[in-house]
Amino acid sequence: MYRELEEPIINDLDVHALEIYCETLVTYRKASQKVRETSEVYTSRTDPSRPRINPWFSIAIDAANQLKKFSDILLMDPVSRAKVGLAKSRDEDLSPMELYFKRKRDSAENPYQD
């Protein structure tokens, strides 16, 4: 997929962000595994009537949020690539004939569009 992009999206300046992304992914996977082994919530011995969030679950949530942040920074999803104009247009994959019919259909659906 990376090779299909017209322009590279990761360069030498992104090494540290990519490193943080990879380390955070490891943290997320470890925390998620611990949650699967235990539970998302637990009850305290001192106050069994009040369930508490498993600390590993909190770590997994924080790591997931960090992964999202760094995937946006590194343009690792189509939405963030589209924001900076690196997303490949779907029209580029169409043959000239398909593109002609698509434009004709689009103009028929939106006759008042310039």
PDB file of N, CA and C in Angstrom:
ATOM      1  N   MET A   1       0.822  -1.183   0.000  1.00  0.00           N
ATOM      2  CA  MET A   1       0.000   0.000   0.000  1.00  0.00           C
ATOM      3  C   MET A   1       0.872   1.255   0.000  1.00  0.00           C
ATOM      4  N   TYR A   2       1.920   1.258   0.814  1.00  0.00           N
ATOM      5  CA  TYR A   2       2.798   2.431   0.889  1.00  0.00           C
ATOM      6  C   TYR A   2       3.407   2.738  -0.466  1.00  0.00           C
ATOM      7  N   ARG A   3       3.757   1.692  -1.216  1.00  0.00           N
ATOM      8  CA  ARG A   3       4.390   1.882  -2.524  1.00  0.00           C
ATOM      9  C   ARG A   3       3.426   2.474  -3.541  1.00  0.00           C
ATOM     10  N   GLU A   4       2.118   2.354  -3.310  1.00  0.00           N
ATOM     11  CA  GLU A   4       1.137   2.877  -4.251  1.00  0.00           C
ATOM     12  C   GLU A   4       0.969   4.387  -4.148  1.00  0.00           C
ATOM     13  N   LEU A   5       1.458   4.991  -3.079  1.00  0.00           N
ATOM     14  CA  LEU A   5       1.324   6.433  -2.916  1.00  0.00           C
ATOM     15  C   LEU A   5       2.186   7.167  -3.930  1.00  0.00           C
ATOM     16  N   GLU A   6       1.677   8.296  -4.386  1.00  0.00           N
ATOM     17  CA  GLU A   6       2.425   9.078  -5.352  1.00  0.00           C
ATOM     18  C   GLU A   6       3.642   9.731  -4.716  1.00  0.00           C
ATOM     19  N   GLU A   7       3.524  10.111  -3.454  1.00  0.00           N
ATOM     20  CA  GLU A   7       4.613  10.755  -2.735  1.00  0.00           C
ATOM     21  C   GLU A   7       4.852  10.011  -1.431  1.00  0.00           C
ATOM     22  N   PRO A   8       6.114   9.913  -1.001  1.00  0.00           N
ATOM     23  CA  PRO A   8       6.370   9.259   0.294  1.00  0.00           C
ATOM     24  C   PRO A   8       5.784  10.095   1.422  1.00  0.00           C
ATOM     25  N   ILE A   9       5.230   9.425   2.417  1.00  0.00           N
ATOM     26  CA  ILE A   9       4.617  10.159   3.523  1.00  0.00           C
ATOM     27  C   ILE A   9       5.467  10.105   4.784  1.00  0.00           C
ATOM     28  N   ILE A  10       6.465   9.245   4.808  1.00  0.00           N
ATOM     29  CA  ILE A  10       7.340   9.143   5.976  1.00  0.00           C
ATOM     30  C   ILE A  10       8.769   9.382   5.504  1.00  0.00           C
ATOM     31  N   ASN A  11       9.467  10.258   6.224  1.00  0.00           N
ATOM     32  CA  ASN A  11      10.868  10.514   5.876  1.00  0.00           C
ATOM     33  C   ASN A  11      11.719  10.483   7.141  1.00  0.00           C
ATOM     34  N   ASP A  12      12.971  10.864   7.034  1.00  0.00           N
ATOM     35  CA  ASP A  12      13.900  10.801   8.166  1.00  0.00           C
ATOM     36  C   ASP A  12      13.438  11.614   9.369  1.00  0.00           C
ATOM     37  N   LEU A  13      12.696  12.673   9.134  1.00  0.00           N
ATOM     38  CA  LEU A  13      12.226  13.515  10.234  1.00  0.00           C
ATOM     39  C   LEU A  13      11.156  12.823  11.079  1.00  0.00           C
ATOM     40  N   ASP A  14      10.566  11.782  10.545  1.00  0.00           N
ATOM     41  CA  ASP A  14       9.488  11.074  11.235  1.00  0.00           C
ATOM     42  C   ASP A  14       9.973   9.896  12.069  1.00  0.00           C
ATOM     43  N   VAL A  15      11.275   9.672  12.128  1.00  0.00           N
ATOM     44  CA  VAL A  15      11.810   8.491  12.799  1.00  0.00           C
ATOM     45  C   VAL A  15      11.380   8.428  14.262  1.00  0.00           C
ATOM     46  N   HIS A  16      11.449   9.543  14.961  1.00  0.00           N
ATOM     47  CA  HIS A  16      11.107   9.530  16.385  1.00  0.00           C
ATOM     48  C   HIS A  16       9.610   9.293  16.600  1.00  0.00           C
ATOM     49  N   ALA A  17       8.796   9.910  15.763  1.00  0.00           N
ATOM     50  CA  ALA A  17       7.354   9.689  15.874  1.00  0.00           C
ATOM     51  C   ALA A  17       7.016   8.232  15.565  1.00  0.00           C
ATOM     52  N   LEU A  18       7.676   7.651  14.583  1.00  0.00           N
ATOM     53  CA  LEU A  18       7.447   6.252  14.239  1.00  0.00           C
ATOM     54  C   LEU A  18       7.911   5.338  15.371  1.00  0.00           C
ATOM     55  N   GLU A  19       9.021   5.687  15.998  1.00  0.00           N
ATOM     56  CA  GLU A  19       9.518   4.908  17.131  1.00  0.00           C
ATOM     57  C   GLU A  19       8.519   4.939  18.290  1.00  0.00           C
ATOM     58  N   ILE A  20       7.993   6.114  18.582  1.00  0.00           N
ATOM     59  CA  ILE A  20       6.999   6.240  19.659  1.00  0.00           C
ATOM     60  C   ILE A  20       5.745   5.443  19.298  1.00  0.00           C
ATOM     61  N   TYR A  21       5.337   5.511  18.031  1.00  0.00           N
ATOM     62  CA  TYR A  21       4.163   4.749  17.583  1.00  0.00           C
ATOM     63  C   TYR A  21       4.386   3.250  17.822  1.00  0.00           C
ATOM     64  N   CYS A  22       5.548   2.746  17.443  1.00  0.00           N
ATOM     65  CA  CYS A  22       5.836   1.312  17.599  1.00  0.00           C
ATOM     66  C   CYS A  22       5.879   0.905  19.070  1.00  0.00           C
ATOM     67  N   GLU A  23       6.517   1.720  19.901  1.00  0.00           N
ATOM     68  CA  GLU A  23       6.576   1.412  21.328  1.00  0.00           C
ATOM     69  C   GLU A  23       5.185   1.460  21.961  1.00  0.00           C
ATOM     70  N   THR A  24       4.377   2.404  21.522  1.00  0.00           N
ATOM     71  CA  THR A  24       3.019   2.510  22.041  1.00  0.00           C
ATOM     72  C   THR A  24       2.173   1.327  21.603  1.00  0.00           C
ATOM     73  N   LEU A  25       2.405   0.836  20.397  1.00  0.00           N
ATOM     74  CA  LEU A  25       1.689  -0.345  19.919  1.00  0.00           C
ATOM     75  C   LEU A  25       2.014  -1.561  20.783  1.00  0.00           C
ATOM     76  N   VAL A  26       3.280  -1.705  21.169  1.00  0.00           N
ATOM     77  CA  VAL A  26       3.678  -2.804  22.050  1.00  0.00           C
ATOM     78  C   VAL A  26       2.981  -2.668  23.405  1.00  0.00           C
ATOM     79  N   THR A  27       2.955  -1.452  23.944  1.00  0.00           N
ATOM     80  CA  THR A  27       2.273  -1.200  25.221  1.00  0.00           C
ATOM     81  C   THR A  27       0.795  -1.546  25.113  1.00  0.00           C
ATOM     82  N   TYR A  28       0.158  -1.123  24.028  1.00  0.00           N
ATOM     83  CA  TYR A  28      -1.264  -1.406  23.821  1.00  0.00           C
ATOM     84  C   TYR A  28      -1.520  -2.914  23.785  1.00  0.00           C
ATOM     85  N   ARG A  29      -0.688  -3.636  23.057  1.00  0.00           N
ATOM     86  CA  ARG A  29      -0.886  -5.084  22.943  1.00  0.00           C
ATOM     87  C   ARG A  29      -0.680  -5.795  24.280  1.00  0.00           C
ATOM     88  N   LYS A  30       0.343  -5.383  25.027  1.00  0.00           N
ATOM     89  CA  LYS A  30       0.579  -5.990  26.340  1.00  0.00           C
ATOM     90  C   LYS A  30      -0.587  -5.701  27.281  1.00  0.00           C
ATOM     91  N   ALA A  31      -1.027  -4.455  27.324  1.00  0.00           N
ATOM     92  CA  ALA A  31      -2.130  -4.084  28.213  1.00  0.00           C
ATOM     93  C   ALA A  31      -3.414  -4.807  27.812  1.00  0.00           C
ATOM     94  N   SER A  32      -3.673  -4.905  26.518  1.00  0.00           N
ATOM     95  CA  SER A  32      -4.872  -5.607  26.048  1.00  0.00           C
ATOM     96  C   SER A  32      -4.833  -7.080  26.430  1.00  0.00           C
ATOM     97  N   GLN A  33      -3.664  -7.687  26.327  1.00  0.00           N
ATOM     98  CA  GLN A  33      -3.519  -9.078  26.727  1.00  0.00           C
ATOM     99  C   GLN A  33      -3.806  -9.255  28.216  1.00  0.00           C
ATOM    100  N   LYS A  34      -3.293  -8.344  29.048  1.00  0.00           N
ATOM    101  CA  LYS A  34      -3.543  -8.411  30.496  1.00  0.00           C
ATOM    102  C   LYS A  34      -5.031  -8.261  30.796  1.00  0.00           C
ATOM    103  N   VAL A  35      -5.716  -7.389  30.057  1.00  0.00           N
ATOM    104  CA  VAL A  35      -7.165  -7.211  30.253  1.00  0.00           C
ATOM    105  C   VAL A  35      -7.892  -8.496  29.884  1.00  0.00           C
ATOM    106  N   ARG A  36      -7.483  -9.133  28.771  1.00  0.00           N
ATOM    107  CA  ARG A  36      -8.113 -10.400  28.380  1.00  0.00           C
ATOM    108  C   ARG A  36      -7.886 -11.483  29.428  1.00  0.00           C
ATOM    109  N   GLU A  37      -6.721 -11.466  30.062  1.00  0.00           N
ATOM    110  CA  GLU A  37      -6.416 -12.467  31.089  1.00  0.00           C
ATOM    111  C   GLU A  37      -7.188 -12.230  32.378  1.00  0.00           C
ATOM    112  N   THR A  38      -7.555 -10.999  32.622  1.00  0.00           N
ATOM    113  CA  THR A  38      -8.264 -10.665  33.871  1.00  0.00           C
ATOM    114  C   THR A  38      -9.675 -10.207  33.552  1.00  0.00           C
ATOM    115  N   SER A  39      -9.902  -8.921  33.647  1.00  0.00           N
ATOM    116  CA  SER A  39     -11.220  -8.360  33.357  1.00  0.00           C
ATOM    117  C   SER A  39     -11.078  -6.845  33.204  1.00  0.00           C
ATOM    118  N   GLU A  40     -12.085  -6.226  32.609  1.00  0.00           N
ATOM    119  CA  GLU A  40     -12.051  -4.771  32.463  1.00  0.00           C
ATOM    120  C   GLU A  40     -12.287  -4.068  33.793  1.00  0.00           C
ATOM    121  N   VAL A  41     -13.016  -4.725  34.661  1.00  0.00           N
ATOM    122  CA  VAL A  41     -13.296  -4.158  35.988  1.00  0.00           C
ATOM    123  C   VAL A  41     -12.973  -5.199  37.054  1.00  0.00           C
ATOM    124  N   TYR A  42     -12.780  -4.714  38.258  1.00  0.00           N
ATOM    125  CA  TYR A  42     -12.551  -5.610  39.385  1.00  0.00           C
ATOM    126  C   TYR A  42     -13.185  -5.001  40.621  1.00  0.00           C
ATOM    127  N   THR A  43     -13.344  -5.803  41.651  1.00  0.00           N
ATOM    128  CA  THR A  43     -13.861  -5.294  42.922  1.00  0.00           C
ATOM    129  C   THR A  43     -12.740  -5.323  43.953  1.00  0.00           C
ATOM    130  N   SER A  44     -12.700  -4.294  44.713  1.00  0.00           N
ATOM    131  CA  SER A  44     -11.678  -4.172  45.748  1.00  0.00           C
ATOM    132  C   SER A  44     -12.044  -5.032  46.947  1.00  0.00           C
ATOM    133  N   ARG A  45     -11.040  -5.555  47.619  1.00  0.00           N
ATOM    134  CA  ARG A  45     -11.297  -6.343  48.820  1.00  0.00           C
ATOM    135  C   ARG A  45     -11.837  -5.466  49.937  1.00  0.00           C
ATOM    136  N   THR A  46     -11.403  -4.218  49.975  1.00  0.00           N
ATOM    137  CA  THR A  46     -11.854  -3.309  51.037  1.00  0.00           C
ATOM    138  C   THR A  46     -13.255  -2.772  50.773  1.00  0.00           C
ATOM    139  N   ASP A  47     -13.640  -2.646  49.487  1.00  0.00           N
ATOM    140  CA  ASP A  47     -14.974  -2.130  49.161  1.00  0.00           C
ATOM    141  C   ASP A  47     -15.548  -2.920  47.981  1.00  0.00           C
ATOM    142  N   PRO A  48     -16.024  -4.152  48.238  1.00  0.00           N
ATOM    143  CA  PRO A  48     -16.504  -5.007  47.144  1.00  0.00           C
ATOM    144  C   PRO A  48     -17.776  -4.496  46.465  1.00  0.00           C
ATOM    145  N   SER A  49     -18.455  -3.542  47.054  1.00  0.00           N
ATOM    146  CA  SER A  49     -19.691  -3.041  46.454  1.00  0.00           C
ATOM    147  C   SER A  49     -19.406  -2.038  45.331  1.00  0.00           C
ATOM    148  N   ARG A  50     -18.175  -1.592  45.221  1.00  0.00           N
ATOM    149  CA  ARG A  50     -17.823  -0.586  44.211  1.00  0.00           C
ATOM    150  C   ARG A  50     -16.836  -1.150  43.196  1.00  0.00           C
ATOM    151  N   PRO A  51     -17.296  -1.455  41.984  1.00  0.00           N
ATOM    152  CA  PRO A  51     -16.367  -1.955  40.962  1.00  0.00           C
ATOM    153  C   PRO A  51     -15.387  -0.856  40.532  1.00  0.00           C
ATOM    154  N   ARG A  52     -14.183  -1.279  40.190  1.00  0.00           N
ATOM    155  CA  ARG A  52     -13.154  -0.337  39.750  1.00  0.00           C
ATOM    156  C   ARG A  52     -12.625  -0.774  38.381  1.00  0.00           C
ATOM    157  N   ILE A  53     -12.112   0.212  37.662  1.00  0.00           N
ATOM    158  CA  ILE A  53     -11.549  -0.085  36.346  1.00  0.00           C
ATOM    159  C   ILE A  53     -10.173  -0.718  36.516  1.00  0.00           C
ATOM    160  N   ASN A  54      -9.954  -1.792  35.796  1.00  0.00           N
ATOM    161  CA  ASN A  54      -8.662  -2.465  35.784  1.00  0.00           C
ATOM    162  C   ASN A  54      -7.605  -1.472  35.279  1.00  0.00           C
ATOM    163  N   PRO A  55      -6.508  -1.280  36.006  1.00  0.00           N
ATOM    164  CA  PRO A  55      -5.466  -0.357  35.547  1.00  0.00           C
ATOM    165  C   PRO A  55      -4.917  -0.708  34.163  1.00  0.00           C
ATOM    166  N   TRP A  56      -4.874  -1.997  33.835  1.00  0.00           N
ATOM    167  CA  TRP A  56      -4.418  -2.391  32.494  1.00  0.00           C
ATOM    168  C   TRP A  56      -5.373  -1.892  31.417  1.00  0.00           C
ATOM    169  N   PHE A  57      -6.663  -1.832  31.748  1.00  0.00           N
ATOM    170  CA  PHE A  57      -7.653  -1.323  30.805  1.00  0.00           C
ATOM    171  C   PHE A  57      -7.409   0.165  30.551  1.00  0.00           C
ATOM    172  N   SER A  58      -7.112   0.903  31.602  1.00  0.00           N
ATOM    173  CA  SER A  58      -6.806   2.332  31.455  1.00  0.00           C
ATOM    174  C   SER A  58      -5.556   2.539  30.611  1.00  0.00           C
ATOM    175  N   ILE A  59      -4.551   1.699  30.825  1.00  0.00           N
ATOM    176  CA  ILE A  59      -3.320   1.787  30.036  1.00  0.00           C
ATOM    177  C   ILE A  59      -3.614   1.501  28.566  1.00  0.00           C
ATOM    178  N   ALA A  60      -4.448   0.505  28.303  1.00  0.00           N
ATOM    179  CA  ALA A  60      -4.806   0.162  26.916  1.00  0.00           C
ATOM    180  C   ALA A  60      -5.541   1.322  26.247  1.00  0.00           C
ATOM    181  N   ILE A  61      -6.453   1.957  26.960  1.00  0.00           N
ATOM    182  CA  ILE A  61      -7.199   3.091  26.399  1.00  0.00           C
ATOM    183  C   ILE A  61      -6.247   4.247  26.098  1.00  0.00           C
ATOM    184  N   ASP A  62      -5.365   4.566  27.036  1.00  0.00           N
ATOM    185  CA  ASP A  62      -4.401   5.647  26.817  1.00  0.00           C
ATOM    186  C   ASP A  62      -3.498   5.341  25.621  1.00  0.00           C
ATOM    187  N   ALA A  63      -3.051   4.102  25.520  1.00  0.00           N
ATOM    188  CA  ALA A  63      -2.190   3.714  24.406  1.00  0.00           C
ATOM    189  C   ALA A  63      -2.951   3.804  23.082  1.00  0.00           C
ATOM    190  N   ALA A  64      -4.218   3.404  23.068  1.00  0.00           N
ATOM    191  CA  ALA A  64      -5.023   3.490  21.846  1.00  0.00           C
ATOM    192  C   ALA A  64      -5.166   4.943  21.403  1.00  0.00           C
ATOM    193  N   ASN A  65      -5.367   5.839  22.353  1.00  0.00           N
ATOM    194  CA  ASN A  65      -5.464   7.261  22.020  1.00  0.00           C
ATOM    195  C   ASN A  65      -4.146   7.787  21.453  1.00  0.00           C
ATOM    196  N   GLN A  66      -3.027   7.356  22.032  1.00  0.00           N
ATOM    197  CA  GLN A  66      -1.717   7.755  21.522  1.00  0.00           C
ATOM    198  C   GLN A  66      -1.470   7.193  20.123  1.00  0.00           C
ATOM    199  N   LEU A  67      -1.899   5.948  19.893  1.00  0.00           N
ATOM    200  CA  LEU A  67      -1.751   5.351  18.566  1.00  0.00           C
ATOM    201  C   LEU A  67      -2.514   6.151  17.523  1.00  0.00           C
ATOM    202  N   LYS A  68      -3.715   6.557  17.873  1.00  0.00           N
ATOM    203  CA  LYS A  68      -4.520   7.360  16.947  1.00  0.00           C
ATOM    204  C   LYS A  68      -3.814   8.676  16.643  1.00  0.00           C
ATOM    205  N   LYS A  69      -3.302   9.315  17.681  1.00  0.00           N
ATOM    206  CA  LYS A  69      -2.610  10.600  17.510  1.00  0.00           C
ATOM    207  C   LYS A  69      -1.407  10.455  16.585  1.00  0.00           C
ATOM    208  N   PHE A  70      -0.580   9.438  16.844  1.00  0.00           N
ATOM    209  CA  PHE A  70       0.617   9.275  16.035  1.00  0.00           C
ATOM    210  C   PHE A  70       0.314   8.732  14.648  1.00  0.00           C
ATOM    211  N   SER A  71      -0.753   7.968  14.482  1.00  0.00           N
ATOM    212  CA  SER A  71      -1.113   7.526  13.133  1.00  0.00           C
ATOM    213  C   SER A  71      -1.577   8.718  12.302  1.00  0.00           C
ATOM    214  N   ASP A  72      -2.221   9.694  12.946  1.00  0.00           N
ATOM    215  CA  ASP A  72      -2.590  10.927  12.240  1.00  0.00           C
ATOM    216  C   ASP A  72      -1.341  11.717  11.852  1.00  0.00           C
ATOM    217  N   ILE A  73      -0.401  11.832  12.782  1.00  0.00           N
ATOM    218  CA  ILE A  73       0.838  12.570  12.514  1.00  0.00           C
ATOM    219  C   ILE A  73       1.615  11.925  11.370  1.00  0.00           C
ATOM    220  N   LEU A  74       1.648  10.603  11.359  1.00  0.00           N
ATOM    221  CA  LEU A  74       2.407   9.866  10.343  1.00  0.00           C
ATOM    222  C   LEU A  74       1.602   9.592   9.074  1.00  0.00           C
ATOM    223  N   LEU A  75       0.383  10.112   9.014  1.00  0.00           N
ATOM    224  CA  LEU A  75      -0.488   9.948   7.845  1.00  0.00           C
ATOM    225  C   LEU A  75      -0.711   8.483   7.503  1.00  0.00           C
ATOM    226  N   MET A  76      -1.015   7.686   8.525  1.00  0.00           N
ATOM    227  CA  MET A  76      -1.141   6.248   8.340  1.00  0.00           C
ATOM    228  C   MET A  76      -2.561   5.791   8.023  1.00  0.00           C
ATOM    229  N   ASP A  77      -3.483   6.723   7.871  1.00  0.00           N
ATOM    230  CA  ASP A  77      -4.843   6.327   7.502  1.00  0.00           C
ATOM    231  C   ASP A  77      -5.322   7.223   6.363  1.00  0.00           C
ATOM    232  N   PRO A  78      -6.297   6.766   5.591  1.00  0.00           N
ATOM    233  CA  PRO A  78      -6.750   7.520   4.421  1.00  0.00           C
ATOM    234  C   PRO A  78      -7.267   8.920   4.748  1.00  0.00           C
ATOM    235  N   VAL A  79      -7.903   9.075   5.887  1.00  0.00           N
ATOM    236  CA  VAL A  79      -8.465  10.386   6.240  1.00  0.00           C
ATOM    237  C   VAL A  79      -7.357  11.407   6.448  1.00  0.00           C
ATOM    238  N   SER A  80      -6.325  11.047   7.202  1.00  0.00           N
ATOM    239  CA  SER A  80      -5.246  12.008   7.438  1.00  0.00           C
ATOM    240  C   SER A  80      -4.466  12.293   6.152  1.00  0.00           C
ATOM    241  N   ARG A  81      -4.319  11.291   5.274  1.00  0.00           N
ATOM    242  CA  ARG A  81      -3.658  11.544   3.985  1.00  0.00           C
ATOM    243  C   ARG A  81      -4.503  12.472   3.124  1.00  0.00           C
ATOM    244  N   ALA A  82      -5.812  12.291   3.171  1.00  0.00           N
ATOM    245  CA  ALA A  82      -6.693  13.154   2.383  1.00  0.00           C
ATOM    246  C   ALA A  82      -6.626  14.599   2.870  1.00  0.00           C
ATOM    247  N   LYS A  83      -6.452  14.784   4.168  1.00  0.00           N
ATOM    248  CA  LYS A  83      -6.368  16.145   4.722  1.00  0.00           C
ATOM    249  C   LYS A  83      -5.192  16.918   4.153  1.00  0.00           C
ATOM    250  N   VAL A  84      -4.124  16.234   3.815  1.00  0.00           N
ATOM    251  CA  VAL A  84      -2.958  16.917   3.264  1.00  0.00           C
ATOM    252  C   VAL A  84      -2.838  16.726   1.755  1.00  0.00           C
ATOM    253  N   GLY A  85      -3.863  16.144   1.157  1.00  0.00           N
ATOM    254  CA  GLY A  85      -3.900  16.008  -0.299  1.00  0.00           C
ATOM    255  C   GLY A  85      -3.081  14.878  -0.863  1.00  0.00           C
ATOM    256  N   LEU A  86      -2.776  13.860  -0.062  1.00  0.00           N
ATOM    257  CA  LEU A  86      -1.998  12.727  -0.563  1.00  0.00           C
ATOM    258  C   LEU A  86      -2.841  11.518  -0.923  1.00  0.00           C
ATOM    259  N   ALA A  87      -4.130  11.601  -0.677  1.00  0.00           N
ATOM    260  CA  ALA A  87      -4.987  10.449  -0.986  1.00  0.00           C
ATOM    261  C   ALA A  87      -5.139  10.332  -2.491  1.00  0.00           C
ATOM    262  N   LYS A  88      -5.103   9.118  -2.951  1.00  0.00           N
ATOM    263  CA  LYS A  88      -5.261   8.854  -4.374  1.00  0.00           C
ATOM    264  C   LYS A  88      -6.744   8.970  -4.719  1.00  0.00           C
ATOM    265  N   SER A  89      -7.034   9.707  -5.741  1.00  0.00           N
ATOM    266  CA  SER A  89      -8.414   9.869  -6.174  1.00  0.00           C
ATOM    267  C   SER A  89      -8.927   8.552  -6.749  1.00  0.00           C
ATOM    268  N   ARG A  90     -10.161   8.244  -6.455  1.00  0.00           N
ATOM    269  CA  ARG A  90     -10.746   7.014  -7.004  1.00  0.00           C
ATOM    270  C   ARG A  90     -10.907   7.122  -8.513  1.00  0.00           C
ATOM    271  N   ASP A  91     -11.034   8.353  -9.009  1.00  0.00           N
ATOM    272  CA  ASP A  91     -11.179   8.550 -10.443  1.00  0.00           C
ATOM    273  C   ASP A  91      -9.932   8.124 -11.204  1.00  0.00           C
ATOM    274  N   GLU A  92      -8.771   8.146 -10.553  1.00  0.00           N
ATOM    275  CA  GLU A  92      -7.531   7.768 -11.222  1.00  0.00           C
ATOM    276  C   GLU A  92      -7.507   6.288 -11.579  1.00  0.00           C
ATOM    277  N   ASP A  93      -8.306   5.488 -10.888  1.00  0.00           N
ATOM    278  CA  ASP A  93      -8.343   4.051 -11.155  1.00  0.00           C
ATOM    279  C   ASP A  93      -9.296   3.692 -12.290  1.00  0.00           C
ATOM    280  N   LEU A  94     -10.081   4.657 -12.744  1.00  0.00           N
ATOM    281  CA  LEU A  94     -11.072   4.386 -13.779  1.00  0.00           C
ATOM    282  C   LEU A  94     -10.457   4.484 -15.168  1.00  0.00           C
ATOM    283  N   SER A  95     -10.990   3.678 -16.067  1.00  0.00           N
ATOM    284  CA  SER A  95     -10.562   3.775 -17.460  1.00  0.00           C
ATOM    285  C   SER A  95     -11.157   5.054 -18.046  1.00  0.00           C
ATOM    286  N   PRO A  96     -10.650   5.526 -19.173  1.00  0.00           N
ATOM    287  CA  PRO A  96     -11.219   6.744 -19.783  1.00  0.00           C
ATOM    288  C   PRO A  96     -12.718   6.619 -20.065  1.00  0.00           C
ATOM    289  N   MET A  97     -13.157   5.434 -20.471  1.00  0.00           N
ATOM    290  CA  MET A  97     -14.582   5.234 -20.747  1.00  0.00           C
ATOM    291  C   MET A  97     -15.402   5.313 -19.462  1.00  0.00           C
ATOM    292  N   GLU A  98     -14.920   4.635 -18.403  1.00  0.00           N
ATOM    293  CA  GLU A  98     -15.622   4.675 -17.114  1.00  0.00           C
ATOM    294  C   GLU A  98     -15.668   6.096 -16.570  1.00  0.00           C
ATOM    295  N   LEU A  99     -14.577   6.830 -16.735  1.00  0.00           N
ATOM    296  CA  LEU A  99     -14.521   8.213 -16.261  1.00  0.00           C
ATOM    297  C   LEU A  99     -15.513   9.085 -17.024  1.00  0.00           C
ATOM    298  N   TYR A 100     -15.636   8.871 -18.319  1.00  0.00           N
ATOM    299  CA  TYR A 100     -16.598   9.617 -19.128  1.00  0.00           C
ATOM    300  C   TYR A 100     -18.027   9.389 -18.620  1.00  0.00           C
ATOM    301  N   PHE A 101     -18.401   8.121 -18.412  1.00  0.00           N
ATOM    302  CA  PHE A 101     -19.748   7.812 -17.954  1.00  0.00           C
ATOM    303  C   PHE A 101     -19.996   8.303 -16.533  1.00  0.00           C
ATOM    304  N   LYS A 102     -18.976   8.266 -15.702  1.00  0.00           N
ATOM    305  CA  LYS A 102     -19.123   8.773 -14.339  1.00  0.00           C
ATOM    306  C   LYS A 102     -19.394  10.274 -14.361  1.00  0.00           C
ATOM    307  N   ARG A 103     -18.647  11.010 -15.157  1.00  0.00           N
ATOM    308  CA  ARG A 103     -18.870  12.469 -15.251  1.00  0.00           C
ATOM    309  C   ARG A 103     -20.243  12.774 -15.817  1.00  0.00           C
ATOM    310  N   LYS A 104     -20.653  12.002 -16.807  1.00  0.00           N
ATOM    311  CA  LYS A 104     -21.970  12.200 -17.415  1.00  0.00           C
ATOM    312  C   LYS A 104     -23.074  11.934 -16.384  1.00  0.00           C
ATOM    313  N   ARG A 105     -22.924  10.841 -15.607  1.00  0.00           N
ATOM    314  CA  ARG A 105     -23.892  10.504 -14.562  1.00  0.00           C
ATOM    315  C   ARG A 105     -23.912  11.575 -13.474  1.00  0.00           C
ATOM    316  N   ASP A 106     -22.724  12.030 -13.052  1.00  0.00           N
ATOM    317  CA  ASP A 106     -22.640  13.051 -12.015  1.00  0.00           C
ATOM    318  C   ASP A 106     -23.281  14.361 -12.463  1.00  0.00           C
ATOM    319  N   SER A 107     -23.082  14.718 -13.699  1.00  0.00           N
ATOM    320  CA  SER A 107     -23.676  15.974 -14.189  1.00  0.00           C
ATOM    321  C   SER A 107     -25.187  15.845 -14.313  1.00  0.00           C
ATOM    322  N   ALA A 108     -25.683  14.650 -14.627  1.00  0.00           N
ATOM    323  CA  ALA A 108     -27.131  14.427 -14.705  1.00  0.00           C
ATOM    324  C   ALA A 108     -27.757  14.483 -13.312  1.00  0.00           C
ATOM    325  N   GLU A 109     -27.012  13.994 -12.296  1.00  0.00           N
ATOM    326  CA  GLU A 109     -27.534  14.017 -10.929  1.00  0.00           C
ATOM    327  C   GLU A 109     -27.472  15.409 -10.333  1.00  0.00           C
ATOM    328  N   ASN A 110     -26.516  16.231 -10.751  1.00  0.00           N
ATOM    329  CA  ASN A 110     -26.343  17.597 -10.238  1.00  0.00           C
ATOM    330  C   ASN A 110     -26.310  18.590 -11.394  1.00  0.00           C
ATOM    331  N   PRO A 111     -27.462  18.855 -12.030  1.00  0.00           N
ATOM    332  CA  PRO A 111     -27.452  19.688 -13.232  1.00  0.00           C
ATOM    333  C   PRO A 111     -27.077  21.148 -12.953  1.00  0.00           C
ATOM    334  N   TYR A 112     -27.174  21.610 -11.718  1.00  0.00           N
ATOM    335  CA  TYR A 112     -26.894  23.015 -11.412  1.00  0.00           C
ATOM    336  C   TYR A 112     -25.482  23.220 -10.891  1.00  0.00           C
ATOM    337  N   GLN A 113     -24.686  22.181 -10.891  1.00  0.00           N
ATOM    338  CA  GLN A 113     -23.305  22.288 -10.421  1.00  0.00           C
ATOM    339  C   GLN A 113     -22.433  22.797 -11.559  1.00  0.00           C
ATOM    340  N   ASP A 114     -21.521  23.714 -11.270  1.00  0.00           N
ATOM    341  CA  ASP A 114     -20.635  24.269 -12.297  1.00  0.00           C
ATOM    342  C   ASP A 114     -19.617  23.277 -12.729  1.00  0.00           C
TER     343      ASP A 114
END
